[in-house]
């Protein structure tokens, strides 16, 4: 006959629970175990990757050099532009100041001839007339060298841009034809200095 011993059975149950706890660790035990494990420290012998940094610095240095080169070129071009502008302004000032220099030089012989005629005390009107004709030729030559062209439109069609009609007279010519020139006109480089004063043919009676 088997006897039931309650104290022995209670001891056996406690031993069974202890074994079960040791074989099956709790989550707290797992956390503690992981904490106790050594953490892998970075290897001090492995050098950091500096290739990207060096490349960026090289690109930055290249960009800065490019900017400096462009700035220098801009300053050089600006200085050259200022020099060209200054020289152009000086040329314009000289042109304004000495615009009639050549023309005046061509007029000096005319002045000399007039002074010589006044200083001459001869009563020979033939020589005086010849001297006046010579002076007129000198003056005409000086005007032509200065670009001044005479307008003498006798027999030409009336041009209101170059002629100024002061009268209309009966004539055999066609209507608005210049019959006579009362005063010559002059132009310079196709610009009218003075229009010619003319008489033009009047319309014929029908």
N, C-alpha and C. Protein backbone atom coordinates (compact mmCIF):
# COMPACT_ATOMS: atom_id res chain seq x y z
N UNK A 1 0.84 -1.19 0.00
CA UNK A 1 0.00 0.00 0.00
C UNK A 1 0.87 1.23 0.00
N UNK A 2 0.62 2.22 -0.90
CA UNK A 2 1.44 3.46 -1.06
C UNK A 2 0.90 4.51 -0.16
N UNK A 3 1.89 5.16 0.57
CA UNK A 3 1.48 6.21 1.48
C UNK A 3 1.72 7.56 0.83
N UNK A 4 0.83 8.42 1.04
CA UNK A 4 0.91 9.78 0.47
C UNK A 4 1.48 10.71 1.52
N UNK A 5 2.70 11.28 1.13
CA UNK A 5 3.38 12.19 2.06
C UNK A 5 3.27 13.60 1.49
N UNK A 6 2.45 14.47 2.09
CA UNK A 6 2.25 15.80 1.53
C UNK A 6 3.48 16.65 1.57
N UNK A 7 4.36 16.57 2.51
CA UNK A 7 5.58 17.39 2.59
C UNK A 7 6.55 17.02 1.49
N UNK A 8 6.67 15.73 1.24
CA UNK A 8 7.59 15.30 0.18
C UNK A 8 7.10 15.74 -1.18
N UNK A 9 5.83 15.62 -1.37
CA UNK A 9 5.29 16.04 -2.68
C UNK A 9 5.46 17.53 -2.88
N UNK A 10 5.31 18.33 -1.85
CA UNK A 10 5.50 19.79 -1.97
C UNK A 10 6.93 20.13 -2.31
N UNK A 11 7.88 19.41 -1.73
CA UNK A 11 9.30 19.65 -2.04
C UNK A 11 9.62 19.29 -3.48
N UNK A 12 9.03 18.20 -3.92
CA UNK A 12 9.28 17.81 -5.33
C UNK A 12 8.74 18.86 -6.30
N UNK A 13 7.59 19.49 -6.03
CA UNK A 13 7.01 20.50 -6.92
C UNK A 13 7.88 21.74 -6.98
N UNK A 14 8.48 22.15 -5.84
CA UNK A 14 9.36 23.33 -5.83
C UNK A 14 10.60 23.09 -6.66
N UNK A 15 11.15 21.87 -6.55
CA UNK A 15 12.34 21.53 -7.34
C UNK A 15 12.03 21.57 -8.83
N UNK A 16 10.82 21.13 -9.19
CA UNK A 16 10.43 21.13 -10.61
C UNK A 16 10.31 22.54 -11.15
N UNK A 17 9.77 23.48 -10.36
CA UNK A 17 9.63 24.87 -10.79
C UNK A 17 10.97 25.53 -10.95
N UNK A 18 11.93 25.23 -10.03
CA UNK A 18 13.27 25.82 -10.16
C UNK A 18 13.94 25.38 -11.43
N UNK A 19 13.82 24.11 -11.75
CA UNK A 19 14.44 23.60 -12.98
C UNK A 19 13.82 24.23 -14.20
N UNK A 20 12.48 24.43 -14.15
CA UNK A 20 11.80 25.03 -15.31
C UNK A 20 12.23 26.46 -15.50
N UNK A 21 12.46 27.19 -14.39
CA UNK A 21 12.86 28.60 -14.49
C UNK A 21 14.24 28.73 -15.04
N UNK A 22 15.14 27.86 -14.64
CA UNK A 22 16.52 27.91 -15.13
C UNK A 22 16.61 27.54 -16.59
N UNK A 23 15.75 26.62 -17.04
CA UNK A 23 15.79 26.20 -18.44
C UNK A 23 15.12 27.21 -19.35
N UNK A 24 14.13 27.93 -18.87
CA UNK A 24 13.40 28.91 -19.69
C UNK A 24 13.62 30.31 -19.12
N UNK A 25 14.61 31.08 -19.57
CA UNK A 25 14.89 32.42 -19.03
C UNK A 25 13.77 33.39 -19.41
N UNK A 26 13.57 34.35 -18.54
CA UNK A 26 12.54 35.37 -18.74
C UNK A 26 13.08 36.49 -19.63
N UNK A 27 12.20 37.40 -20.14
CA UNK A 27 12.69 38.53 -20.96
C UNK A 27 13.65 39.42 -20.20
N UNK A 28 13.44 39.57 -18.91
CA UNK A 28 14.38 40.39 -18.13
C UNK A 28 15.76 39.78 -18.13
N UNK A 29 15.80 38.44 -18.06
CA UNK A 29 17.11 37.77 -18.09
C UNK A 29 17.79 37.97 -19.43
N UNK A 30 16.99 37.96 -20.52
CA UNK A 30 17.59 38.18 -21.85
C UNK A 30 18.18 39.56 -21.96
N UNK A 31 17.49 40.58 -21.43
CA UNK A 31 17.99 41.96 -21.49
C UNK A 31 19.27 42.10 -20.71
N UNK A 32 19.32 41.50 -19.55
CA UNK A 32 20.54 41.56 -18.74
C UNK A 32 21.69 40.87 -19.44
N UNK A 33 21.39 39.80 -20.11
CA UNK A 33 22.45 39.08 -20.81
C UNK A 33 23.00 39.90 -21.96
N UNK A 34 22.08 40.59 -22.68
CA UNK A 34 22.55 41.42 -23.79
C UNK A 34 23.36 42.59 -23.29
N UNK A 35 23.00 43.13 -22.11
CA UNK A 35 23.75 44.25 -21.56
C UNK A 35 25.15 43.84 -21.18
N UNK A 36 25.28 42.63 -20.72
CA UNK A 36 26.60 42.14 -20.30
C UNK A 36 27.53 41.85 -21.46
N UNK A 37 26.96 41.72 -22.69
CA UNK A 37 27.80 41.40 -23.85
C UNK A 37 28.66 42.62 -24.23
N UNK A 38 29.89 42.45 -24.62
CA UNK A 38 30.75 43.57 -25.01
C UNK A 38 30.32 44.16 -26.34
N UNK A 39 30.34 45.50 -26.41
CA UNK A 39 29.97 46.21 -27.65
C UNK A 39 31.20 46.32 -28.54
N UNK A 40 31.01 46.03 -29.83
CA UNK A 40 32.13 46.07 -30.77
C UNK A 40 32.52 47.53 -31.03
N UNK A 41 33.66 47.96 -30.59
CA UNK A 41 34.17 49.32 -30.80
C UNK A 41 34.71 49.45 -32.22
N UNK A 42 34.62 50.67 -32.80
CA UNK A 42 35.17 50.85 -34.17
C UNK A 42 36.66 50.60 -34.18
N UNK A 43 37.10 50.05 -35.30
CA UNK A 43 38.51 49.72 -35.45
C UNK A 43 39.32 50.99 -35.67
N UNK A 44 40.22 51.27 -34.73
CA UNK A 44 41.02 52.50 -34.83
C UNK A 44 41.98 52.47 -36.01
N UNK A 45 42.25 51.30 -36.56
CA UNK A 45 43.22 51.20 -37.65
C UNK A 45 42.60 51.54 -39.01
N UNK A 46 41.23 51.65 -39.09
CA UNK A 46 40.56 51.95 -40.36
C UNK A 46 40.52 53.47 -40.55
N UNK A 47 41.10 54.00 -41.62
CA UNK A 47 41.15 55.44 -41.89
C UNK A 47 39.81 55.91 -42.43
N UNK A 48 39.34 57.15 -42.05
CA UNK A 48 38.07 57.67 -42.58
C UNK A 48 38.17 57.95 -44.08
N UNK A 49 37.04 57.90 -44.79
CA UNK A 49 36.98 58.13 -46.24
C UNK A 49 37.02 59.63 -46.51
N UNK A 50 38.17 60.17 -46.98
CA UNK A 50 38.34 61.60 -47.26
C UNK A 50 38.35 61.92 -48.76
N UNK A 51 38.05 60.94 -49.58
CA UNK A 51 38.09 61.18 -51.02
C UNK A 51 37.07 62.21 -51.46
N UNK A 52 35.84 62.11 -50.93
CA UNK A 52 34.80 63.06 -51.29
C UNK A 52 35.12 64.48 -50.85
N UNK A 53 35.71 64.65 -49.68
CA UNK A 53 36.07 65.97 -49.17
C UNK A 53 37.13 66.62 -50.05
N UNK A 54 38.15 65.85 -50.42
CA UNK A 54 39.23 66.39 -51.27
C UNK A 54 38.70 66.81 -52.64
N UNK A 55 37.79 66.04 -53.19
CA UNK A 55 37.22 66.38 -54.49
C UNK A 55 36.42 67.67 -54.42
N UNK A 56 35.64 67.83 -53.34
CA UNK A 56 34.86 69.06 -53.16
C UNK A 56 35.76 70.28 -53.02
N UNK A 57 36.84 70.13 -52.26
CA UNK A 57 37.77 71.24 -52.10
C UNK A 57 38.44 71.60 -53.42
N UNK A 58 38.74 70.59 -54.23
CA UNK A 58 39.36 70.86 -55.53
C UNK A 58 38.39 71.61 -56.44
N UNK A 59 37.12 71.20 -56.45
CA UNK A 59 36.13 71.89 -57.27
C UNK A 59 35.93 73.33 -56.80
N UNK A 60 35.92 73.53 -55.49
CA UNK A 60 35.77 74.87 -54.95
C UNK A 60 36.93 75.77 -55.34
N UNK A 61 38.15 75.23 -55.26
CA UNK A 61 39.34 76.01 -55.64
C UNK A 61 39.31 76.36 -57.12
N UNK A 62 38.86 75.41 -57.95
CA UNK A 62 38.77 75.67 -59.39
C UNK A 62 37.74 76.76 -59.69
N UNK A 63 36.58 76.71 -58.98
CA UNK A 63 35.55 77.72 -59.18
C UNK A 63 36.03 79.10 -58.75
N UNK A 64 36.75 79.16 -57.64
CA UNK A 64 37.28 80.45 -57.17
C UNK A 64 38.30 81.02 -58.15
N UNK A 65 39.14 80.16 -58.71
CA UNK A 65 40.12 80.62 -59.70
C UNK A 65 39.42 81.14 -60.95
N UNK A 66 38.34 80.45 -61.34
CA UNK A 66 37.59 80.89 -62.52
C UNK A 66 36.94 82.25 -62.28
N UNK A 67 36.38 82.44 -61.10
CA UNK A 67 35.76 83.72 -60.76
C UNK A 67 36.80 84.84 -60.77
N UNK A 68 37.97 84.57 -60.22
CA UNK A 68 39.03 85.60 -60.20
C UNK A 68 39.47 85.95 -61.62
N UNK A 69 39.56 84.92 -62.49
CA UNK A 69 39.96 85.18 -63.89
C UNK A 69 38.92 86.02 -64.61
N UNK A 70 37.64 85.70 -64.41
CA UNK A 70 36.58 86.46 -65.06
C UNK A 70 36.52 87.89 -64.55
N UNK A 71 36.76 88.06 -63.26
CA UNK A 71 36.75 89.41 -62.69
C UNK A 71 37.89 90.24 -63.27
N UNK A 72 39.05 89.63 -63.41
CA UNK A 72 40.19 90.35 -63.99
C UNK A 72 39.92 90.73 -65.44
N UNK A 73 39.32 89.80 -66.20
CA UNK A 73 38.99 90.11 -67.60
C UNK A 73 37.96 91.23 -67.69
N UNK A 74 36.99 91.23 -66.79
CA UNK A 74 35.97 92.29 -66.79
C UNK A 74 36.59 93.64 -66.50
N UNK A 75 37.48 93.70 -65.51
CA UNK A 75 38.12 94.97 -65.16
C UNK A 75 38.99 95.46 -66.32
N UNK A 76 39.67 94.54 -67.00
CA UNK A 76 40.51 94.93 -68.14
C UNK A 76 39.65 95.48 -69.28
N UNK A 77 38.53 94.80 -69.57
CA UNK A 77 37.65 95.26 -70.63
C UNK A 77 37.02 96.61 -70.28
N UNK A 78 36.68 96.79 -69.03
CA UNK A 78 36.10 98.05 -68.59
C UNK A 78 37.10 99.19 -68.76
N UNK A 79 38.36 98.95 -68.37
CA UNK A 79 39.38 99.98 -68.52
C UNK A 79 39.61 100.32 -69.99
N UNK A 80 39.61 99.29 -70.86
CA UNK A 80 39.81 99.54 -72.29
C UNK A 80 38.64 100.34 -72.86
N UNK A 81 37.42 100.04 -72.41
CA UNK A 81 36.25 100.78 -72.88
C UNK A 81 36.33 102.25 -72.47
N UNK A 82 36.76 102.48 -71.26
CA UNK A 82 36.91 103.86 -70.79
C UNK A 82 37.97 104.60 -71.60
N UNK A 83 39.05 103.91 -71.96
CA UNK A 83 40.10 104.55 -72.77
C UNK A 83 39.58 104.90 -74.16
N UNK A 84 38.83 103.97 -74.76
CA UNK A 84 38.27 104.23 -76.09
C UNK A 84 37.29 105.40 -76.04
N UNK A 85 36.46 105.43 -75.01
CA UNK A 85 35.50 106.52 -74.86
C UNK A 85 36.21 107.86 -74.67
N UNK A 86 37.28 107.84 -73.89
CA UNK A 86 38.01 109.08 -73.65
C UNK A 86 38.68 109.58 -74.94
N UNK A 87 39.29 108.64 -75.69
CA UNK A 87 39.94 109.04 -76.95
C UNK A 87 38.91 109.56 -77.95
N UNK A 88 37.74 108.92 -78.00
CA UNK A 88 36.69 109.38 -78.92
C UNK A 88 36.22 110.78 -78.55
N UNK A 89 36.08 111.01 -77.24
CA UNK A 89 35.65 112.35 -76.80
C UNK A 89 36.70 113.39 -77.15
N UNK A 90 37.97 113.05 -76.99
CA UNK A 90 39.04 113.99 -77.35
C UNK A 90 39.05 114.26 -78.85
N UNK A 91 38.81 113.21 -79.66
CA UNK A 91 38.78 113.41 -81.11
C UNK A 91 37.63 114.33 -81.52
N UNK A 92 36.47 114.14 -80.87
CA UNK A 92 35.33 115.01 -81.18
C UNK A 92 35.63 116.45 -80.81
N UNK A 93 36.26 116.65 -79.66
CA UNK A 93 36.61 118.01 -79.24
C UNK A 93 37.60 118.65 -80.22
N UNK A 94 38.58 117.86 -80.67
CA UNK A 94 39.54 118.39 -81.64
C UNK A 94 38.85 118.70 -82.96
N UNK A 95 37.90 117.82 -83.37
CA UNK A 95 37.19 118.06 -84.63
C UNK A 95 36.38 119.34 -84.56
N UNK A 96 35.74 119.57 -83.42
CA UNK A 96 34.98 120.82 -83.26
C UNK A 96 35.90 122.03 -83.26
N UNK A 97 37.06 121.89 -82.63
CA UNK A 97 37.97 123.01 -82.48
C UNK A 97 38.67 123.37 -83.78
N UNK A 98 39.03 122.32 -84.54
CA UNK A 98 39.82 122.56 -85.76
C UNK A 98 39.05 122.16 -87.01
N UNK A 99 37.71 122.24 -86.98
CA UNK A 99 36.91 121.79 -88.12
C UNK A 99 37.18 122.62 -89.37
N UNK A 100 37.40 123.92 -89.21
CA UNK A 100 37.58 124.78 -90.38
C UNK A 100 39.06 125.11 -90.62
N UNK A 101 39.94 124.35 -90.00
CA UNK A 101 41.37 124.66 -90.14
C UNK A 101 41.81 124.60 -91.61
N UNK A 102 41.46 123.50 -92.30
CA UNK A 102 41.87 123.37 -93.70
C UNK A 102 41.19 124.42 -94.57
N UNK A 103 39.94 124.69 -94.25
CA UNK A 103 39.21 125.69 -95.06
C UNK A 103 39.85 127.07 -94.92
N UNK A 104 40.23 127.41 -93.71
CA UNK A 104 40.87 128.71 -93.49
C UNK A 104 42.22 128.77 -94.19
N UNK A 105 42.95 127.68 -94.17
CA UNK A 105 44.24 127.66 -94.87
C UNK A 105 44.06 127.93 -96.36
N UNK A 106 42.97 127.40 -96.95
CA UNK A 106 42.71 127.66 -98.37
C UNK A 106 42.27 129.10 -98.63
N UNK A 107 41.75 129.76 -97.59
CA UNK A 107 41.32 131.14 -97.75
C UNK A 107 42.46 132.14 -97.59
N UNK A 108 43.55 131.72 -97.00
CA UNK A 108 44.65 132.66 -96.75
C UNK A 108 45.20 133.26 -98.04
N UNK A 109 45.37 132.51 -99.13
CA UNK A 109 45.84 133.16 -100.37
C UNK A 109 44.89 134.25 -100.86
N UNK A 110 43.59 134.06 -100.68
CA UNK A 110 42.62 135.09 -101.07
C UNK A 110 42.86 136.36 -100.25
N UNK A 111 43.10 136.18 -98.96
CA UNK A 111 43.38 137.33 -98.10
C UNK A 111 44.65 138.04 -98.54
N UNK A 112 45.66 137.29 -98.88
CA UNK A 112 46.92 137.89 -99.35
C UNK A 112 46.70 138.71 -100.62
N UNK A 113 45.91 138.18 -101.56
CA UNK A 113 45.65 138.89 -102.81
C UNK A 113 44.89 140.18 -102.57
N UNK A 114 43.92 140.16 -101.68
CA UNK A 114 43.15 141.37 -101.39
C UNK A 114 44.02 142.43 -100.73
N UNK A 115 44.89 142.02 -99.83
CA UNK A 115 45.79 142.98 -99.19
C UNK A 115 46.76 143.57 -100.21
N UNK A 116 47.25 142.73 -101.11
CA UNK A 116 48.17 143.23 -102.14
C UNK A 116 47.46 144.22 -103.07
N UNK A 117 46.18 143.95 -103.40
CA UNK A 117 45.43 144.87 -104.27
C UNK A 117 45.22 146.23 -103.60
N UNK A 118 44.96 146.20 -102.28
CA UNK A 118 44.78 147.46 -101.57
C UNK A 118 46.08 148.24 -101.47
N UNK A 119 47.18 147.53 -101.37
CA UNK A 119 48.48 148.20 -101.24
C UNK A 119 48.98 148.73 -102.58
N UNK A 120 48.40 148.25 -103.68
CA UNK A 120 48.85 148.69 -105.01
C UNK A 120 48.22 150.05 -105.33
N UNK A 121 49.05 151.01 -105.71
CA UNK A 121 48.59 152.39 -105.95
C UNK A 121 48.44 152.73 -107.43
N UNK A 122 48.50 151.72 -108.31
CA UNK A 122 48.41 151.98 -109.74
C UNK A 122 46.96 152.35 -110.11
N UNK A 123 46.84 153.18 -111.12
CA UNK A 123 45.53 153.57 -111.64
C UNK A 123 45.15 152.78 -112.89
N UNK A 124 45.90 151.70 -113.16
CA UNK A 124 45.63 150.86 -114.32
C UNK A 124 44.46 149.93 -113.99
N UNK A 125 43.31 150.26 -114.52
CA UNK A 125 42.13 149.47 -114.21
C UNK A 125 42.18 148.07 -114.83
N UNK A 126 42.96 147.93 -115.90
CA UNK A 126 43.10 146.61 -116.51
C UNK A 126 43.78 145.65 -115.54
N UNK A 127 44.87 146.10 -114.93
CA UNK A 127 45.57 145.26 -113.96
C UNK A 127 44.69 145.03 -112.73
N UNK A 128 43.93 146.03 -112.36
CA UNK A 128 43.04 145.87 -111.20
C UNK A 128 41.98 144.80 -111.48
N UNK A 129 41.46 144.83 -112.71
CA UNK A 129 40.46 143.84 -113.09
C UNK A 129 41.06 142.45 -113.11
N UNK A 130 42.26 142.34 -113.64
CA UNK A 130 42.93 141.04 -113.65
C UNK A 130 43.18 140.54 -112.23
N UNK A 131 43.55 141.45 -111.35
CA UNK A 131 43.78 141.06 -109.96
C UNK A 131 42.51 140.58 -109.27
N UNK A 132 41.39 141.25 -109.58
CA UNK A 132 40.11 140.82 -109.01
C UNK A 132 39.71 139.44 -109.54
N UNK A 133 39.92 139.21 -110.83
CA UNK A 133 39.61 137.89 -111.40
C UNK A 133 40.47 136.80 -110.76
N UNK A 134 41.75 137.09 -110.54
CA UNK A 134 42.63 136.11 -109.90
C UNK A 134 42.16 135.82 -108.47
N UNK A 135 41.78 136.86 -107.77
CA UNK A 135 41.29 136.67 -106.40
C UNK A 135 40.00 135.85 -106.38
N UNK A 136 39.12 136.10 -107.35
CA UNK A 136 37.87 135.34 -107.43
C UNK A 136 38.15 133.86 -107.70
N UNK A 137 39.11 133.58 -108.60
CA UNK A 137 39.46 132.18 -108.87
C UNK A 137 40.03 131.51 -107.62
N UNK A 138 40.83 132.26 -106.88
CA UNK A 138 41.38 131.70 -105.64
C UNK A 138 40.26 131.40 -104.63
N UNK A 139 39.31 132.32 -104.55
CA UNK A 139 38.20 132.12 -103.62
C UNK A 139 37.33 130.93 -104.05
N UNK A 140 37.07 130.83 -105.35
CA UNK A 140 36.27 129.70 -105.84
C UNK A 140 36.98 128.38 -105.58
N UNK A 141 38.30 128.36 -105.80
CA UNK A 141 39.07 127.14 -105.53
C UNK A 141 39.03 126.77 -104.05
N UNK A 142 39.13 127.76 -103.20
CA UNK A 142 39.08 127.50 -101.76
C UNK A 142 37.73 126.92 -101.36
N UNK A 143 36.65 127.46 -101.94
CA UNK A 143 35.32 126.94 -101.63
C UNK A 143 35.15 125.50 -102.12
N UNK A 144 35.66 125.22 -103.32
CA UNK A 144 35.56 123.86 -103.85
C UNK A 144 36.34 122.87 -103.00
N UNK A 145 37.52 123.27 -102.52
CA UNK A 145 38.30 122.38 -101.66
C UNK A 145 37.59 122.14 -100.32
N UNK A 146 36.79 123.11 -99.90
CA UNK A 146 36.02 122.94 -98.67
C UNK A 146 34.71 122.20 -98.87
N UNK A 147 34.46 121.73 -100.09
CA UNK A 147 33.23 120.98 -100.36
C UNK A 147 32.04 121.85 -100.70
N UNK A 148 32.27 123.14 -100.94
CA UNK A 148 31.18 124.04 -101.28
C UNK A 148 31.00 124.05 -102.80
N UNK A 149 29.78 123.76 -103.23
CA UNK A 149 29.49 123.67 -104.66
C UNK A 149 28.51 124.77 -105.05
N UNK A 150 28.80 125.40 -106.16
CA UNK A 150 27.95 126.49 -106.67
C UNK A 150 26.68 125.93 -107.30
N UNK A 151 25.56 126.63 -107.09
CA UNK A 151 24.29 126.24 -107.70
C UNK A 151 23.89 127.36 -108.66
N UNK A 152 23.95 127.05 -109.97
CA UNK A 152 23.60 128.02 -111.01
C UNK A 152 22.64 127.33 -111.98
N UNK A 153 21.32 127.32 -111.65
CA UNK A 153 20.38 126.44 -112.35
C UNK A 153 19.71 127.04 -113.58
N UNK A 154 20.36 127.93 -114.29
CA UNK A 154 19.73 128.53 -115.47
C UNK A 154 19.35 127.44 -116.48
N UNK A 155 18.08 127.45 -116.92
CA UNK A 155 17.60 126.48 -117.90
C UNK A 155 17.18 125.15 -117.28
N UNK A 156 17.33 124.98 -115.97
CA UNK A 156 16.95 123.72 -115.32
C UNK A 156 15.51 123.81 -114.81
N UNK A 157 14.96 122.66 -114.49
CA UNK A 157 13.64 122.61 -113.89
C UNK A 157 13.71 123.17 -112.47
N UNK A 158 12.70 123.92 -112.08
CA UNK A 158 12.70 124.54 -110.76
C UNK A 158 12.68 123.46 -109.67
N UNK A 159 13.59 123.59 -108.71
CA UNK A 159 13.70 122.66 -107.59
C UNK A 159 13.47 123.44 -106.30
N UNK A 160 12.33 123.24 -105.65
CA UNK A 160 12.05 124.04 -104.45
C UNK A 160 13.02 123.77 -103.30
N UNK A 161 13.74 122.65 -103.37
CA UNK A 161 14.70 122.34 -102.31
C UNK A 161 16.01 123.13 -102.46
N UNK A 162 16.33 123.56 -103.69
CA UNK A 162 17.58 124.28 -103.94
C UNK A 162 17.37 125.67 -104.53
N UNK A 163 16.17 125.94 -104.99
CA UNK A 163 15.91 127.23 -105.65
C UNK A 163 14.83 127.99 -104.90
N UNK A 164 14.91 129.28 -105.01
CA UNK A 164 13.88 130.15 -104.43
C UNK A 164 13.38 131.08 -105.53
N UNK A 165 12.14 130.88 -105.94
CA UNK A 165 11.57 131.69 -107.02
C UNK A 165 11.07 133.01 -106.46
N UNK A 166 11.51 134.08 -107.10
CA UNK A 166 11.07 135.41 -106.65
C UNK A 166 10.09 136.04 -107.64
N UNK A 167 9.98 135.42 -108.82
CA UNK A 167 9.03 135.94 -109.81
C UNK A 167 8.75 134.89 -110.86
N UNK A 168 7.62 135.08 -111.55
CA UNK A 168 7.27 134.23 -112.70
C UNK A 168 7.13 135.16 -113.90
N UNK A 169 7.82 134.82 -114.96
CA UNK A 169 7.87 135.70 -116.13
C UNK A 169 7.44 134.91 -117.36
N UNK A 170 6.84 135.60 -118.33
CA UNK A 170 6.51 134.93 -119.60
C UNK A 170 7.80 134.51 -120.30
N UNK A 171 7.82 133.31 -120.81
CA UNK A 171 9.03 132.80 -121.47
C UNK A 171 8.66 131.68 -122.41
N UNK A 172 9.59 131.38 -123.31
CA UNK A 172 9.39 130.30 -124.27
C UNK A 172 9.64 128.93 -123.63
N UNK A 173 10.32 128.90 -122.51
CA UNK A 173 10.60 127.63 -121.85
C UNK A 173 9.32 127.02 -121.27
N UNK A 174 9.43 125.77 -120.88
CA UNK A 174 8.30 125.09 -120.27
C UNK A 174 7.99 125.73 -118.92
N UNK A 175 6.80 125.50 -118.46
CA UNK A 175 6.37 126.05 -117.18
C UNK A 175 7.29 125.54 -116.06
N UNK A 176 7.60 126.44 -115.12
CA UNK A 176 8.46 126.15 -113.96
C UNK A 176 9.90 125.85 -114.33
N UNK A 177 10.30 126.33 -115.50
CA UNK A 177 11.71 126.25 -115.86
C UNK A 177 12.41 127.54 -115.42
N UNK A 178 13.62 127.43 -114.92
CA UNK A 178 14.37 128.60 -114.46
C UNK A 178 14.79 129.41 -115.68
N UNK A 179 14.31 130.65 -115.72
CA UNK A 179 14.62 131.52 -116.85
C UNK A 179 15.92 132.27 -116.60
N UNK A 180 16.08 132.82 -115.40
CA UNK A 180 17.29 133.58 -115.08
C UNK A 180 17.63 133.37 -113.60
N UNK A 181 18.92 133.53 -113.32
CA UNK A 181 19.43 133.38 -111.95
C UNK A 181 19.85 134.76 -111.46
N UNK A 182 19.17 135.24 -110.44
CA UNK A 182 19.49 136.56 -109.90
C UNK A 182 20.62 136.49 -108.86
N UNK A 183 20.72 135.36 -108.19
CA UNK A 183 21.79 135.16 -107.21
C UNK A 183 22.07 133.66 -107.11
N UNK A 184 23.34 133.30 -107.26
CA UNK A 184 23.71 131.90 -107.21
C UNK A 184 23.50 131.33 -105.80
N UNK A 185 23.26 130.04 -105.78
CA UNK A 185 23.15 129.34 -104.51
C UNK A 185 24.38 128.47 -104.27
N UNK A 186 24.47 127.92 -103.06
CA UNK A 186 25.63 127.08 -102.71
C UNK A 186 25.16 125.95 -101.79
N UNK A 187 25.77 124.80 -102.02
CA UNK A 187 25.50 123.62 -101.18
C UNK A 187 26.82 123.06 -100.71
N UNK A 188 26.77 122.35 -99.59
CA UNK A 188 27.93 121.65 -99.07
C UNK A 188 27.49 120.26 -98.64
N UNK A 189 28.08 119.25 -99.27
CA UNK A 189 27.73 117.85 -98.98
C UNK A 189 26.23 117.64 -99.13
N UNK A 190 25.66 118.16 -100.22
CA UNK A 190 24.23 118.05 -100.53
C UNK A 190 23.34 118.78 -99.52
N UNK A 191 23.92 119.62 -98.72
CA UNK A 191 23.13 120.43 -97.80
C UNK A 191 23.15 121.88 -98.29
N UNK A 192 21.97 122.47 -98.41
CA UNK A 192 21.87 123.80 -99.00
C UNK A 192 22.36 124.84 -98.00
N UNK A 193 23.40 125.57 -98.41
CA UNK A 193 23.85 126.71 -97.62
C UNK A 193 23.01 127.94 -97.92
N UNK A 194 22.71 128.09 -99.21
CA UNK A 194 21.88 129.21 -99.64
C UNK A 194 21.20 128.83 -100.94
N UNK A 195 19.87 128.97 -101.01
CA UNK A 195 19.19 128.63 -102.27
C UNK A 195 19.46 129.70 -103.33
N UNK A 196 19.40 129.28 -104.57
CA UNK A 196 19.58 130.23 -105.68
C UNK A 196 18.29 131.02 -105.88
N UNK A 197 18.44 132.35 -106.05
CA UNK A 197 17.29 133.20 -106.32
C UNK A 197 17.06 133.23 -107.83
N UNK A 198 15.86 132.81 -108.25
CA UNK A 198 15.61 132.62 -109.68
C UNK A 198 14.27 133.19 -110.09
N UNK A 199 14.14 133.35 -111.40
CA UNK A 199 12.85 133.64 -112.04
C UNK A 199 12.45 132.43 -112.86
N UNK A 200 11.19 132.06 -112.81
CA UNK A 200 10.75 130.86 -113.51
C UNK A 200 9.70 131.22 -114.58
N UNK A 201 9.56 130.32 -115.54
CA UNK A 201 8.63 130.57 -116.63
C UNK A 201 7.19 130.42 -116.15
N UNK A 202 6.38 131.39 -116.50
CA UNK A 202 4.97 131.37 -116.12
C UNK A 202 4.17 130.48 -117.05
N UNK A 203 3.01 129.99 -116.61
CA UNK A 203 2.16 129.20 -117.50
C UNK A 203 1.73 130.01 -118.73
N UNK A 204 1.65 129.35 -119.86
CA UNK A 204 1.26 130.02 -121.11
C UNK A 204 -0.27 130.17 -121.14
N UNK A 205 -0.73 131.27 -121.74
CA UNK A 205 -2.16 131.48 -121.90
C UNK A 205 -2.71 130.51 -122.91
N UNK A 206 -3.86 129.92 -122.58
CA UNK A 206 -4.48 128.99 -123.49
C UNK A 206 -5.30 129.75 -124.54
